[in-house]
Each structure stands twice: as C-alpha cells, then as structure tokens.
Amino acid sequence: MNNLTDERIKKIIEQYEKKRNREKERYQLIKDTEEFINQNRERARNHYQNNKDMKKEKYNNDKEFLNCKASFYYYRKIDKLDLFKEKHPEKVKVLSDRNIIV
C-alpha cells in the first residue's frame, strides 16, 4: 500500500478544501439564475419520470412495515407502548425484524 507522508496528507486535505470552497462559491453565483433553475427543474422532472415505477414498487414492498411503524409512533406519542405490544404482537415482530426497538 502506498504510504503517504504527513505533508502529502496535509496538501491533499488543503486541495480538497479549496476545491469545495470554489464549488460552493460557484453555486452561490449561479443558484438564482433562471437558466440554472430551469435546468434543475428539468433534471428533477426527468428523474421523477424515470423512477416513478421503482418508487411505487418500493412503497408496495414496504407497505406493511410502514403501517407498523406509523402505529408504533402513534402509540409512542400517546405513551401507551405497552398497549401497542399487547394489541399488535405481529406488528411488534415486524418492527423488531427491521431493528426498530419496541
């Protein structure tokens, strides 16, 4: 593996920080221009059209989990988690399988 000296690491970090600052300054200059706004909207519109079916499929696959999570948060909000565990043991199991501590 390539061993880097402390000076080289420091130089790499400085270059990275300068690059990020230049990008940030450039963004601040163009973010309010009409051309940038239109390009950004077009990109977002295309992304939505291309991934609409994937998002629907993901939601349908996770529908049961999302329902369980919403119920859990409702019972937690009203401070009745013990009632949730008692009434909905199958939902508790789904949540524990997804590592949401109940």
N, C-alpha and C. Protein backbone atom coordinates (compact mmCIF):
# COMPACT_ATOMS: atom_id res chain seq x y z
N MET A 1 0.84 -1.18 0.00
CA MET A 1 0.00 0.00 0.00
C MET A 1 0.87 1.24 0.00
N ASN A 2 0.39 2.25 -0.62
CA ASN A 2 1.14 3.49 -0.75
C ASN A 2 1.10 4.28 0.56
N ASN A 3 2.27 4.50 1.15
CA ASN A 3 2.34 5.26 2.40
C ASN A 3 2.49 6.74 2.09
N LEU A 4 1.62 7.54 2.67
CA LEU A 4 1.66 8.98 2.45
C LEU A 4 2.30 9.66 3.65
N THR A 5 3.12 10.66 3.34
CA THR A 5 3.73 11.41 4.43
C THR A 5 2.71 12.40 4.98
N ASP A 6 3.01 12.93 6.15
CA ASP A 6 2.12 13.90 6.78
C ASP A 6 1.96 15.15 5.90
N GLU A 7 3.05 15.56 5.24
CA GLU A 7 2.99 16.73 4.37
C GLU A 7 2.05 16.48 3.19
N ARG A 8 2.15 15.29 2.62
CA ARG A 8 1.31 14.95 1.46
C ARG A 8 -0.17 14.90 1.87
N ILE A 9 -0.44 14.31 3.01
CA ILE A 9 -1.82 14.24 3.51
C ILE A 9 -2.37 15.64 3.74
N LYS A 10 -1.55 16.51 4.34
CA LYS A 10 -1.96 17.87 4.59
C LYS A 10 -2.26 18.61 3.28
N LYS A 11 -1.40 18.39 2.27
CA LYS A 11 -1.59 19.03 0.97
C LYS A 11 -2.88 18.54 0.30
N ILE A 12 -3.14 17.25 0.40
CA ILE A 12 -4.35 16.68 -0.19
C ILE A 12 -5.59 17.28 0.47
N ILE A 13 -5.57 17.40 1.78
CA ILE A 13 -6.71 17.97 2.51
C ILE A 13 -6.91 19.44 2.12
N GLU A 14 -5.83 20.19 2.01
CA GLU A 14 -5.93 21.59 1.60
C GLU A 14 -6.51 21.72 0.20
N GLN A 15 -6.06 20.85 -0.72
CA GLN A 15 -6.59 20.88 -2.08
C GLN A 15 -8.08 20.57 -2.09
N TYR A 16 -8.47 19.60 -1.29
CA TYR A 16 -9.88 19.24 -1.22
C TYR A 16 -10.72 20.40 -0.69
N GLU A 17 -10.23 21.04 0.37
CA GLU A 17 -10.97 22.17 0.95
C GLU A 17 -11.08 23.33 -0.03
N LYS A 18 -10.00 23.61 -0.78
CA LYS A 18 -10.04 24.67 -1.78
C LYS A 18 -11.06 24.34 -2.87
N LYS A 19 -11.06 23.09 -3.30
CA LYS A 19 -12.00 22.67 -4.34
C LYS A 19 -13.44 22.83 -3.87
N ARG A 20 -13.72 22.40 -2.64
CA ARG A 20 -15.08 22.53 -2.09
C ARG A 20 -15.49 24.00 -1.99
N ASN A 21 -14.55 24.86 -1.57
CA ASN A 21 -14.86 26.29 -1.47
C ASN A 21 -15.15 26.89 -2.83
N ARG A 22 -14.36 26.50 -3.86
CA ARG A 22 -14.62 27.00 -5.21
C ARG A 22 -15.99 26.55 -5.69
N GLU A 23 -16.32 25.28 -5.45
CA GLU A 23 -17.63 24.77 -5.86
C GLU A 23 -18.76 25.51 -5.15
N LYS A 24 -18.57 25.78 -3.86
CA LYS A 24 -19.58 26.49 -3.09
C LYS A 24 -19.77 27.92 -3.60
N GLU A 25 -18.66 28.59 -3.90
CA GLU A 25 -18.74 29.95 -4.43
C GLU A 25 -19.43 29.97 -5.79
N ARG A 26 -19.09 29.01 -6.65
CA ARG A 26 -19.70 28.92 -7.97
C ARG A 26 -21.21 28.70 -7.83
N TYR A 27 -21.60 27.81 -6.92
CA TYR A 27 -23.02 27.56 -6.71
C TYR A 27 -23.74 28.81 -6.22
N GLN A 28 -23.13 29.55 -5.31
CA GLN A 28 -23.75 30.78 -4.80
C GLN A 28 -23.99 31.78 -5.92
N LEU A 29 -23.10 31.80 -6.91
CA LEU A 29 -23.25 32.73 -8.03
C LEU A 29 -24.37 32.32 -8.97
N ILE A 30 -24.52 31.02 -9.22
CA ILE A 30 -25.47 30.60 -10.25
C ILE A 30 -26.81 30.11 -9.71
N LYS A 31 -26.95 29.94 -8.42
CA LYS A 31 -28.15 29.30 -7.89
C LYS A 31 -29.44 30.08 -8.16
N ASP A 32 -29.35 31.39 -8.31
CA ASP A 32 -30.55 32.20 -8.50
C ASP A 32 -30.79 32.57 -9.96
N THR A 33 -29.96 32.07 -10.87
CA THR A 33 -30.16 32.39 -12.28
C THR A 33 -31.29 31.57 -12.85
N GLU A 34 -31.97 32.16 -13.81
CA GLU A 34 -33.13 31.49 -14.43
C GLU A 34 -32.70 30.19 -15.14
N GLU A 35 -31.56 30.24 -15.80
CA GLU A 35 -31.08 29.07 -16.54
C GLU A 35 -30.83 27.88 -15.60
N PHE A 36 -30.16 28.14 -14.47
CA PHE A 36 -29.87 27.07 -13.52
C PHE A 36 -31.15 26.49 -12.93
N ILE A 37 -32.08 27.36 -12.59
CA ILE A 37 -33.35 26.90 -12.01
C ILE A 37 -34.09 26.00 -12.99
N ASN A 38 -34.13 26.41 -14.26
CA ASN A 38 -34.82 25.60 -15.27
C ASN A 38 -34.13 24.26 -15.50
N GLN A 39 -32.80 24.27 -15.55
CA GLN A 39 -32.05 23.02 -15.71
C GLN A 39 -32.31 22.08 -14.53
N ASN A 40 -32.31 22.63 -13.35
CA ASN A 40 -32.52 21.83 -12.15
C ASN A 40 -33.92 21.23 -12.13
N ARG A 41 -34.90 22.03 -12.51
CA ARG A 41 -36.28 21.53 -12.56
C ARG A 41 -36.43 20.44 -13.61
N GLU A 42 -35.79 20.62 -14.76
CA GLU A 42 -35.86 19.62 -15.82
C GLU A 42 -35.20 18.31 -15.37
N ARG A 43 -34.06 18.42 -14.70
CA ARG A 43 -33.37 17.24 -14.19
C ARG A 43 -34.25 16.51 -13.18
N ALA A 44 -34.89 17.26 -12.29
CA ALA A 44 -35.76 16.65 -11.28
C ALA A 44 -36.98 16.00 -11.95
N ARG A 45 -37.54 16.66 -12.95
CA ARG A 45 -38.69 16.11 -13.67
C ARG A 45 -38.33 14.80 -14.36
N ASN A 46 -37.18 14.77 -15.01
CA ASN A 46 -36.72 13.54 -15.67
C ASN A 46 -36.47 12.43 -14.67
N HIS A 47 -35.86 12.77 -13.55
CA HIS A 47 -35.59 11.76 -12.52
C HIS A 47 -36.90 11.17 -12.00
N TYR A 48 -37.89 12.03 -11.79
CA TYR A 48 -39.19 11.56 -11.31
C TYR A 48 -39.83 10.63 -12.32
N GLN A 49 -39.80 11.01 -13.60
CA GLN A 49 -40.42 10.18 -14.64
C GLN A 49 -39.71 8.83 -14.79
N ASN A 50 -38.39 8.84 -14.68
CA ASN A 50 -37.62 7.61 -14.85
C ASN A 50 -37.74 6.66 -13.66
N ASN A 51 -38.01 7.18 -12.48
CA ASN A 51 -38.00 6.35 -11.27
C ASN A 51 -39.36 6.22 -10.61
N LYS A 52 -40.42 6.64 -11.29
CA LYS A 52 -41.75 6.61 -10.71
C LYS A 52 -42.17 5.18 -10.36
N ASP A 53 -41.94 4.24 -11.27
CA ASP A 53 -42.34 2.86 -11.03
C ASP A 53 -41.52 2.21 -9.92
N MET A 54 -40.23 2.55 -9.86
CA MET A 54 -39.39 1.99 -8.80
C MET A 54 -39.86 2.45 -7.43
N LYS A 55 -40.27 3.70 -7.32
CA LYS A 55 -40.74 4.24 -6.05
C LYS A 55 -42.04 3.56 -5.63
N LYS A 56 -42.96 3.35 -6.61
CA LYS A 56 -44.22 2.65 -6.31
C LYS A 56 -43.95 1.24 -5.83
N GLU A 57 -43.04 0.56 -6.51
CA GLU A 57 -42.72 -0.82 -6.14
C GLU A 57 -42.10 -0.88 -4.75
N LYS A 58 -41.22 0.05 -4.45
CA LYS A 58 -40.59 0.09 -3.13
C LYS A 58 -41.65 0.32 -2.05
N TYR A 59 -42.58 1.24 -2.31
CA TYR A 59 -43.64 1.52 -1.35
C TYR A 59 -44.52 0.29 -1.15
N ASN A 60 -44.89 -0.38 -2.23
CA ASN A 60 -45.74 -1.57 -2.11
C ASN A 60 -45.04 -2.69 -1.35
N ASN A 61 -43.73 -2.81 -1.53
CA ASN A 61 -42.99 -3.83 -0.80
C ASN A 61 -42.91 -3.52 0.69
N ASP A 62 -42.87 -2.25 1.03
CA ASP A 62 -42.70 -1.84 2.43
C ASP A 62 -44.01 -1.38 3.07
N LYS A 63 -45.13 -1.60 2.41
CA LYS A 63 -46.41 -1.08 2.90
C LYS A 63 -46.71 -1.57 4.32
N GLU A 64 -46.53 -2.86 4.55
CA GLU A 64 -46.83 -3.43 5.87
C GLU A 64 -45.91 -2.83 6.93
N PHE A 65 -44.62 -2.72 6.60
CA PHE A 65 -43.66 -2.16 7.55
C PHE A 65 -44.01 -0.71 7.87
N LEU A 66 -44.35 0.07 6.87
CA LEU A 66 -44.68 1.48 7.10
C LEU A 66 -45.93 1.62 7.96
N ASN A 67 -46.89 0.73 7.75
CA ASN A 67 -48.10 0.73 8.57
C ASN A 67 -47.76 0.42 10.03
N CYS A 68 -46.91 -0.57 10.23
CA CYS A 68 -46.50 -0.94 11.59
C CYS A 68 -45.75 0.21 12.26
N LYS A 69 -44.88 0.85 11.50
CA LYS A 69 -44.09 1.94 12.05
C LYS A 69 -44.98 3.12 12.43
N ALA A 70 -45.98 3.43 11.60
CA ALA A 70 -46.89 4.53 11.91
C ALA A 70 -47.67 4.23 13.19
N SER A 71 -48.12 2.99 13.33
CA SER A 71 -48.85 2.62 14.55
C SER A 71 -47.95 2.73 15.78
N PHE A 72 -46.72 2.27 15.63
CA PHE A 72 -45.76 2.34 16.73
C PHE A 72 -45.55 3.79 17.17
N TYR A 73 -45.33 4.68 16.20
CA TYR A 73 -45.10 6.08 16.54
C TYR A 73 -46.34 6.72 17.17
N TYR A 74 -47.52 6.31 16.73
CA TYR A 74 -48.75 6.82 17.33
C TYR A 74 -48.83 6.42 18.80
N TYR A 75 -48.64 5.13 19.07
CA TYR A 75 -48.72 4.67 20.45
C TYR A 75 -47.61 5.26 21.31
N ARG A 76 -46.45 5.47 20.73
CA ARG A 76 -45.35 6.07 21.48
C ARG A 76 -45.68 7.52 21.81
N LYS A 77 -46.33 8.21 20.90
CA LYS A 77 -46.68 9.62 21.12
C LYS A 77 -47.67 9.77 22.27
N ILE A 78 -48.59 8.83 22.39
CA ILE A 78 -49.58 8.93 23.47
C ILE A 78 -49.14 8.14 24.72
N ASP A 79 -47.89 7.70 24.74
CA ASP A 79 -47.30 7.00 25.89
C ASP A 79 -48.06 5.73 26.26
N LYS A 80 -48.40 4.92 25.28
CA LYS A 80 -49.09 3.66 25.54
C LYS A 80 -48.44 2.52 24.76
N LEU A 81 -47.12 2.42 24.84
CA LEU A 81 -46.40 1.37 24.12
C LEU A 81 -46.78 -0.02 24.62
N ASP A 82 -47.07 -0.14 25.92
CA ASP A 82 -47.46 -1.44 26.45
C ASP A 82 -48.76 -1.93 25.82
N LEU A 83 -49.68 -1.02 25.57
CA LEU A 83 -50.93 -1.36 24.90
C LEU A 83 -50.67 -1.78 23.45
N PHE A 84 -49.75 -1.10 22.79
CA PHE A 84 -49.38 -1.46 21.42
C PHE A 84 -48.81 -2.88 21.38
N LYS A 85 -47.93 -3.20 22.32
CA LYS A 85 -47.33 -4.54 22.36
C LYS A 85 -48.39 -5.60 22.63
N GLU A 86 -49.34 -5.26 23.46
CA GLU A 86 -50.40 -6.21 23.81
C GLU A 86 -51.37 -6.43 22.64
N LYS A 87 -51.78 -5.35 21.98
CA LYS A 87 -52.78 -5.43 20.92
C LYS A 87 -52.21 -5.94 19.59
N HIS A 88 -50.96 -5.60 19.30
CA HIS A 88 -50.40 -5.88 17.98
C HIS A 88 -49.07 -6.64 18.06
N PRO A 89 -49.07 -7.87 18.52
CA PRO A 89 -47.80 -8.60 18.61
C PRO A 89 -47.17 -8.86 17.24
N GLU A 90 -47.99 -8.99 16.19
CA GLU A 90 -47.44 -9.23 14.85
C GLU A 90 -46.71 -7.99 14.33
N LYS A 91 -47.21 -6.81 14.67
CA LYS A 91 -46.54 -5.57 14.27
C LYS A 91 -45.23 -5.40 15.03
N VAL A 92 -45.25 -5.80 16.30
CA VAL A 92 -44.02 -5.74 17.09
C VAL A 92 -42.96 -6.63 16.47
N LYS A 93 -43.37 -7.81 16.00
CA LYS A 93 -42.43 -8.73 15.37
C LYS A 93 -41.85 -8.15 14.08
N VAL A 94 -42.70 -7.53 13.26
CA VAL A 94 -42.23 -6.91 12.02
C VAL A 94 -41.23 -5.82 12.32
N LEU A 95 -41.53 -5.00 13.32
CA LEU A 95 -40.62 -3.91 13.68
C LEU A 95 -39.31 -4.42 14.26
N SER A 96 -39.38 -5.46 15.07
CA SER A 96 -38.14 -6.00 15.65
C SER A 96 -37.29 -6.66 14.57
N ASP A 97 -37.93 -7.22 13.53
CA ASP A 97 -37.17 -7.79 12.42
C ASP A 97 -36.40 -6.72 11.66
N ARG A 98 -36.94 -5.51 11.65
CA ARG A 98 -36.29 -4.39 10.96
C ARG A 98 -35.45 -3.53 11.92
N ASN A 99 -35.20 -4.04 13.12
CA ASN A 99 -34.33 -3.39 14.11
C ASN A 99 -34.88 -2.07 14.64
N ILE A 100 -36.19 -1.96 14.73
CA ILE A 100 -36.79 -0.82 15.42
C ILE A 100 -37.14 -1.34 16.81
N ILE A 101 -36.54 -0.77 17.81
CA ILE A 101 -36.67 -1.27 19.17
C ILE A 101 -38.06 -0.91 19.70
N VAL A 102 -38.75 -1.92 20.16
CA VAL A 102 -40.09 -1.72 20.72
C VAL A 102 -40.06 -2.11 22.18
